[in-house]
Amino acid sequence: MSRIGKQPIEIPSAAKVKFDQGVLTAEGPKGKVEQKVKGVKLSIEDGSIEVKALGEGSNDRAMHGLMRSLVANAVAGVTEGFEKVLEIHGVGYRGEVQGGNLTLSLGYSHPVVFAIPKGIEIEIDKQNRITVRGADRQQVGQVAAELRSLRKPDPYKAKGIRYAGEVIRRKVGKSGVGGAV
């Protein structure tokens, strides 16, 4: 049995949780998250959620821990929310939020326009620090990964978009030593 799956999930007073026909719906001050639940049995009682495995096979045990984590993330997301912070490095690289779009200058000949998805909030500090917030953990991570992929950090000059605290392994460029005379 999964150690993670055994732990009950406490439902905060600010959240409302419903389970109907294989879909768990959590609502709270940060938004609404729906999570499909399969391969486990879910019971909501006394302000907590219990996740039970259907069998003892290795696949059942794996689904037990996974589904418990996904349900816990849904409940935490609607009450506390999730956020990822990205940094823009490079001379002239900047970003700004205009309406429902994020406009980025990343050294290309044209500005890059990124449409902000529904349920996600993007904030820019000092034109080079992007904060992605939302109730759905998977969606926040996906949007952050898509933003990073617009201009991945260069290993030679470390220019581009990176996660806050991410360490870029730098490569040595041309040294001019030991070449032809």
C-alpha atoms as a PDB file:
ATOM      1  CA  MET A   1       0.000   0.000   0.000  1.00  0.00           C
ATOM      2  CA  SER A   2       1.252   3.490  -0.854  1.00  0.00           C
ATOM      3  CA  ARG A   3       2.528   5.501   2.091  1.00  0.00           C
ATOM      4  CA  ILE A   4       1.445   8.730   0.452  1.00  0.00           C
ATOM      5  CA  GLY A   5      -1.933   7.269  -0.503  1.00  0.00           C
ATOM      6  CA  LYS A   6      -2.725   6.303   3.110  1.00  0.00           C
ATOM      7  CA  GLN A   7      -2.592   9.888   4.366  1.00  0.00           C
ATOM      8  CA  PRO A   8      -5.979  11.630   4.590  1.00  0.00           C
ATOM      9  CA  ILE A   9      -6.451  14.989   2.863  1.00  0.00           C
ATOM     10  CA  GLU A  10      -7.813  17.689   5.155  1.00  0.00           C
ATOM     11  CA  ILE A  11     -10.407  19.959   3.517  1.00  0.00           C
ATOM     12  CA  PRO A  12      -9.951  23.597   4.642  1.00  0.00           C
ATOM     13  CA  SER A  13     -13.063  25.512   5.669  1.00  0.00           C
ATOM     14  CA  ALA A  14     -12.671  27.847   2.665  1.00  0.00           C
ATOM     15  CA  ALA A  15     -12.959  24.975   0.160  1.00  0.00           C
ATOM     16  CA  LYS A  16     -15.988  23.045  -1.081  1.00  0.00           C
ATOM     17  CA  VAL A  17     -15.342  19.560  -2.474  1.00  0.00           C
ATOM     18  CA  LYS A  18     -17.760  17.353  -4.457  1.00  0.00           C
ATOM     19  CA  PHE A  19     -17.198  13.924  -5.991  1.00  0.00           C
ATOM     20  CA  ASP A  20     -19.612  12.825  -8.711  1.00  0.00           C
ATOM     21  CA  GLN A  21     -19.248  10.200 -11.462  1.00  0.00           C
ATOM     22  CA  GLY A  22     -15.452   9.952 -11.363  1.00  0.00           C
ATOM     23  CA  VAL A  23     -14.795  13.715 -11.246  1.00  0.00           C
ATOM     24  CA  LEU A  24     -13.711  15.572  -8.110  1.00  0.00           C
ATOM     25  CA  THR A  25     -14.646  19.274  -8.146  1.00  0.00           C
ATOM     26  CA  ALA A  26     -12.969  21.624  -5.677  1.00  0.00           C
ATOM     27  CA  GLU A  27     -14.033  25.266  -5.321  1.00  0.00           C
ATOM     28  CA  GLY A  28     -12.432  27.944  -3.184  1.00  0.00           C
ATOM     29  CA  PRO A  29     -11.289  31.564  -3.075  1.00  0.00           C
ATOM     30  CA  LYS A  30      -8.563  31.002  -5.730  1.00  0.00           C
ATOM     31  CA  GLY A  31     -10.825  29.318  -8.282  1.00  0.00           C
ATOM     32  CA  LYS A  32     -12.295  25.996  -9.334  1.00  0.00           C
ATOM     33  CA  VAL A  33     -10.399  22.807 -10.231  1.00  0.00           C
ATOM     34  CA  GLU A  34     -11.814  19.595 -11.665  1.00  0.00           C
ATOM     35  CA  GLN A  35      -9.811  16.371 -11.365  1.00  0.00           C
ATOM     36  CA  LYS A  36     -10.737  13.045 -12.976  1.00  0.00           C
ATOM     37  CA  VAL A  37     -10.303  10.200 -10.507  1.00  0.00           C
ATOM     38  CA  LYS A  38      -9.827   6.617 -11.706  1.00  0.00           C
ATOM     39  CA  GLY A  39      -8.359   3.416 -10.324  1.00  0.00           C
ATOM     40  CA  VAL A  40      -9.143   4.289  -6.686  1.00  0.00           C
ATOM     41  CA  LYS A  41     -12.113   4.607  -4.340  1.00  0.00           C
ATOM     42  CA  LEU A  42     -12.705   8.069  -2.877  1.00  0.00           C
ATOM     43  CA  SER A  43     -14.700   8.885   0.266  1.00  0.00           C
ATOM     44  CA  ILE A  44     -15.396  12.344   1.678  1.00  0.00           C
ATOM     45  CA  GLU A  45     -16.312  12.425   5.379  1.00  0.00           C
ATOM     46  CA  ASP A  46     -15.778  14.660   8.425  1.00  0.00           C
ATOM     47  CA  GLY A  47     -13.851  17.372   6.582  1.00  0.00           C
ATOM     48  CA  SER A  48     -11.308  15.009   5.045  1.00  0.00           C
ATOM     49  CA  ILE A  49     -10.869  12.884   1.947  1.00  0.00           C
ATOM     50  CA  GLU A  50      -9.756   9.242   2.084  1.00  0.00           C
ATOM     51  CA  VAL A  51      -8.273   7.573  -1.003  1.00  0.00           C
ATOM     52  CA  LYS A  52      -8.336   3.761  -1.089  1.00  0.00           C
ATOM     53  CA  ALA A  53      -6.703   1.460  -3.653  1.00  0.00           C
ATOM     54  CA  LEU A  54      -8.954  -0.975  -5.512  1.00  0.00           C
ATOM     55  CA  GLY A  55      -6.440  -3.842  -5.399  1.00  0.00           C
ATOM     56  CA  GLU A  56      -2.952  -4.837  -4.287  1.00  0.00           C
ATOM     57  CA  GLY A  57      -1.194  -4.976  -7.673  1.00  0.00           C
ATOM     58  CA  SER A  58       1.746  -2.725  -8.501  1.00  0.00           C
ATOM     59  CA  ASN A  59      -0.368  -0.632 -10.874  1.00  0.00           C
ATOM     60  CA  ASP A  60      -3.069  -0.219  -8.197  1.00  0.00           C
ATOM     61  CA  ARG A  61      -0.486   0.929  -5.649  1.00  0.00           C
ATOM     62  CA  ALA A  62       0.989   3.416  -8.134  1.00  0.00           C
ATOM     63  CA  MET A  63      -2.435   4.861  -8.968  1.00  0.00           C
ATOM     64  CA  HIS A  64      -3.230   5.082  -5.254  1.00  0.00           C
ATOM     65  CA  GLY A  65      -0.348   7.454  -4.495  1.00  0.00           C
ATOM     66  CA  LEU A  66      -0.772   9.400  -7.746  1.00  0.00           C
ATOM     67  CA  MET A  67      -4.495  10.027  -7.313  1.00  0.00           C
ATOM     68  CA  ARG A  68      -4.039  11.047  -3.680  1.00  0.00           C
ATOM     69  CA  SER A  69      -1.406  13.617  -4.745  1.00  0.00           C
ATOM     70  CA  LEU A  70      -3.574  14.959  -7.587  1.00  0.00           C
ATOM     71  CA  VAL A  71      -6.595  15.343  -5.287  1.00  0.00           C
ATOM     72  CA  ALA A  72      -4.448  17.026  -2.606  1.00  0.00           C
ATOM     73  CA  ASN A  73      -3.068  19.447  -5.232  1.00  0.00           C
ATOM     74  CA  ALA A  74      -6.605  20.314  -6.361  1.00  0.00           C
ATOM     75  CA  VAL A  75      -7.684  21.095  -2.775  1.00  0.00           C
ATOM     76  CA  ALA A  76      -4.499  23.087  -2.038  1.00  0.00           C
ATOM     77  CA  GLY A  77      -4.792  24.985  -5.330  1.00  0.00           C
ATOM     78  CA  VAL A  78      -8.261  26.370  -4.681  1.00  0.00           C
ATOM     79  CA  THR A  79      -7.324  27.569  -1.186  1.00  0.00           C
ATOM     80  CA  GLU A  80      -3.663  28.658  -1.476  1.00  0.00           C
ATOM     81  CA  GLY A  81      -2.924  28.584  -5.216  1.00  0.00           C
ATOM     82  CA  PHE A  82       0.358  27.780  -6.951  1.00  0.00           C
ATOM     83  CA  GLU A  83       3.000  30.005  -8.501  1.00  0.00           C
ATOM     84  CA  LYS A  84       6.162  29.731 -10.582  1.00  0.00           C
ATOM     85  CA  VAL A  85       8.658  32.559 -11.004  1.00  0.00           C
ATOM     86  CA  LEU A  86      10.720  33.026 -14.165  1.00  0.00           C
ATOM     87  CA  GLU A  87      13.510  35.515 -14.853  1.00  0.00           C
ATOM     88  CA  ILE A  88      14.406  37.153 -18.165  1.00  0.00           C
ATOM     89  CA  HIS A  89      18.164  37.663 -18.665  1.00  0.00           C
ATOM     90  CA  GLY A  90      19.718  39.570 -21.544  1.00  0.00           C
ATOM     91  CA  VAL A  91      20.359  43.110 -22.713  1.00  0.00           C
ATOM     92  CA  GLY A  92      17.102  44.550 -24.066  1.00  0.00           C
ATOM     93  CA  TYR A  93      15.079  41.475 -23.061  1.00  0.00           C
ATOM     94  CA  ARG A  94      11.850  42.519 -21.329  1.00  0.00           C
ATOM     95  CA  GLY A  95       8.181  41.732 -21.006  1.00  0.00           C
ATOM     96  CA  GLU A  96       4.868  43.412 -20.275  1.00  0.00           C
ATOM     97  CA  VAL A  97       1.255  42.360 -19.846  1.00  0.00           C
ATOM     98  CA  GLN A  98      -1.159  44.014 -22.277  1.00  0.00           C
ATOM     99  CA  GLY A  99      -4.778  42.981 -21.813  1.00  0.00           C
ATOM    100  CA  GLY A 100      -4.972  39.202 -22.109  1.00  0.00           C
ATOM    101  CA  ASN A 101      -1.538  38.877 -23.705  1.00  0.00           C
ATOM    102  CA  LEU A 102       2.058  38.829 -22.545  1.00  0.00           C
ATOM    103  CA  THR A 103       4.363  40.686 -24.938  1.00  0.00           C
ATOM    104  CA  LEU A 104       8.043  39.744 -24.756  1.00  0.00           C
ATOM    105  CA  SER A 105      11.104  41.286 -26.406  1.00  0.00           C
ATOM    106  CA  LEU A 106      13.596  38.427 -26.566  1.00  0.00           C
ATOM    107  CA  GLY A 107      16.173  39.532 -29.121  1.00  0.00           C
ATOM    108  CA  TYR A 108      14.175  38.408 -32.144  1.00  0.00           C
ATOM    109  CA  SER A 109      13.286  40.795 -34.980  1.00  0.00           C
ATOM    110  CA  HIS A 110       9.698  40.857 -33.718  1.00  0.00           C
ATOM    111  CA  PRO A 111       8.014  40.918 -30.293  1.00  0.00           C
ATOM    112  CA  VAL A 112       6.716  37.548 -29.086  1.00  0.00           C
ATOM    113  CA  VAL A 113       3.035  37.635 -28.076  1.00  0.00           C
ATOM    114  CA  PHE A 114       1.874  34.917 -25.649  1.00  0.00           C
ATOM    115  CA  ALA A 115      -1.885  34.557 -25.014  1.00  0.00           C
ATOM    116  CA  ILE A 116      -2.569  34.126 -21.282  1.00  0.00           C
ATOM    117  CA  PRO A 117      -4.808  31.055 -20.770  1.00  0.00           C
ATOM    118  CA  LYS A 118      -8.020  31.159 -18.749  1.00  0.00           C
ATOM    119  CA  GLY A 119      -7.415  30.445 -15.048  1.00  0.00           C
ATOM    120  CA  ILE A 120      -3.831  31.786 -15.119  1.00  0.00           C
ATOM    121  CA  GLU A 121      -2.656  35.147 -13.835  1.00  0.00           C
ATOM    122  CA  ILE A 122       0.682  36.553 -15.045  1.00  0.00           C
ATOM    123  CA  GLU A 123       2.458  39.450 -13.365  1.00  0.00           C
ATOM    124  CA  ILE A 124       5.706  41.213 -14.391  1.00  0.00           C
ATOM    125  CA  ASP A 125       8.031  42.980 -11.929  1.00  0.00           C
ATOM    126  CA  LYS A 126      10.735  45.360 -13.204  1.00  0.00           C
ATOM    127  CA  GLN A 127      10.170  44.090 -16.794  1.00  0.00           C
ATOM    128  CA  ASN A 128      12.323  40.995 -16.213  1.00  0.00           C
ATOM    129  CA  ARG A 129      10.638  38.847 -13.526  1.00  0.00           C
ATOM    130  CA  ILE A 130       7.546  36.874 -14.562  1.00  0.00           C
ATOM    131  CA  THR A 131       5.229  35.384 -11.920  1.00  0.00           C
ATOM    132  CA  VAL A 132       2.726  32.768 -13.102  1.00  0.00           C
ATOM    133  CA  ARG A 133      -0.145  32.064 -10.667  1.00  0.00           C
ATOM    134  CA  GLY A 134      -3.175  29.798 -10.741  1.00  0.00           C
ATOM    135  CA  ALA A 135      -5.252  27.201  -8.915  1.00  0.00           C
ATOM    136  CA  ASP A 136      -4.344  24.231 -11.147  1.00  0.00           C
ATOM    137  CA  ARG A 137      -0.776  23.090 -10.454  1.00  0.00           C
ATOM    138  CA  GLN A 138      -0.388  21.283 -13.782  1.00  0.00           C
ATOM    139  CA  GLN A 139      -1.574  24.305 -15.771  1.00  0.00           C
ATOM    140  CA  VAL A 140       0.764  26.692 -13.896  1.00  0.00           C
ATOM    141  CA  GLY A 141       3.737  24.420 -14.604  1.00  0.00           C
ATOM    142  CA  GLN A 142       2.742  23.994 -18.264  1.00  0.00           C
ATOM    143  CA  VAL A 143       2.434  27.755 -18.859  1.00  0.00           C
ATOM    144  CA  ALA A 144       5.797  28.359 -17.136  1.00  0.00           C
ATOM    145  CA  ALA A 145       7.425  25.678 -19.328  1.00  0.00           C
ATOM    146  CA  GLU A 146       5.906  27.196 -22.490  1.00  0.00           C
ATOM    147  CA  LEU A 147       7.201  30.653 -21.524  1.00  0.00           C
ATOM    148  CA  ARG A 148      10.682  29.241 -20.872  1.00  0.00           C
ATOM    149  CA  SER A 149      10.662  27.479 -24.247  1.00  0.00           C
ATOM    150  CA  LEU A 150      10.169  30.807 -26.070  1.00  0.00           C
ATOM    151  CA  ARG A 151      13.867  31.580 -25.430  1.00  0.00           C
ATOM    152  CA  LYS A 152      15.722  28.873 -23.508  1.00  0.00           C
ATOM    153  CA  PRO A 153      18.829  29.978 -21.603  1.00  0.00           C
ATOM    154  CA  ASP A 154      21.908  30.048 -23.830  1.00  0.00           C
ATOM    155  CA  PRO A 155      24.816  27.997 -22.402  1.00  0.00           C
ATOM    156  CA  TYR A 156      27.433  30.499 -23.645  1.00  0.00           C
ATOM    157  CA  LYS A 157      26.053  33.839 -22.431  1.00  0.00           C
ATOM    158  CA  ALA A 158      23.185  32.569 -20.186  1.00  0.00           C
ATOM    159  CA  LYS A 159      20.684  34.848 -21.981  1.00  0.00           C
ATOM    160  CA  GLY A 160      17.045  33.831 -22.151  1.00  0.00           C
ATOM    161  CA  ILE A 161      14.157  32.900 -19.855  1.00  0.00           C
ATOM    162  CA  ARG A 162      14.895  30.672 -16.851  1.00  0.00           C
ATOM    163  CA  TYR A 163      13.194  29.591 -13.658  1.00  0.00           C
ATOM    164  CA  ALA A 164      14.102  31.615 -10.561  1.00  0.00           C
ATOM    165  CA  GLY A 165      17.031  29.885  -8.881  1.00  0.00           C
ATOM    166  CA  GLU A 166      17.830  27.719 -11.930  1.00  0.00           C
ATOM    167  CA  VAL A 167      21.562  27.253 -12.425  1.00  0.00           C
ATOM    168  CA  ILE A 168      22.775  27.371 -16.012  1.00  0.00           C
ATOM    169  CA  ARG A 169      25.905  25.360 -16.793  1.00  0.00           C
ATOM    170  CA  ARG A 170      28.061  27.698 -18.798  1.00  0.00           C
ATOM    171  CA  LYS A 171      30.209  26.512 -21.703  1.00  0.00           C
ATOM    172  CA  VAL A 172      33.561  27.995 -22.648  1.00  0.00           C
ATOM    173  CA  GLY A 173      33.448  29.839 -25.950  1.00  0.00           C
ATOM    174  CA  LYS A 174      36.256  30.381 -28.419  1.00  0.00           C
ATOM    175  CA  SER A 175      39.440  30.970 -26.498  1.00  0.00           C
ATOM    176  CA  GLY A 176      41.839  31.770 -29.344  1.00  0.00           C
ATOM    177  CA  VAL A 177      44.576  29.783 -27.598  1.00  0.00           C
ATOM    178  CA  GLY A 178      46.513  27.082 -29.439  1.00  0.00           C
ATOM    179  CA  GLY A 179      45.008  27.847 -32.838  1.00  0.00           C
ATOM    180  CA  ALA A 180      46.773  28.385 -36.187  1.00  0.00           C
ATOM    181  CA  VAL A 181      49.335  31.177 -36.369  1.00  0.00           C
END
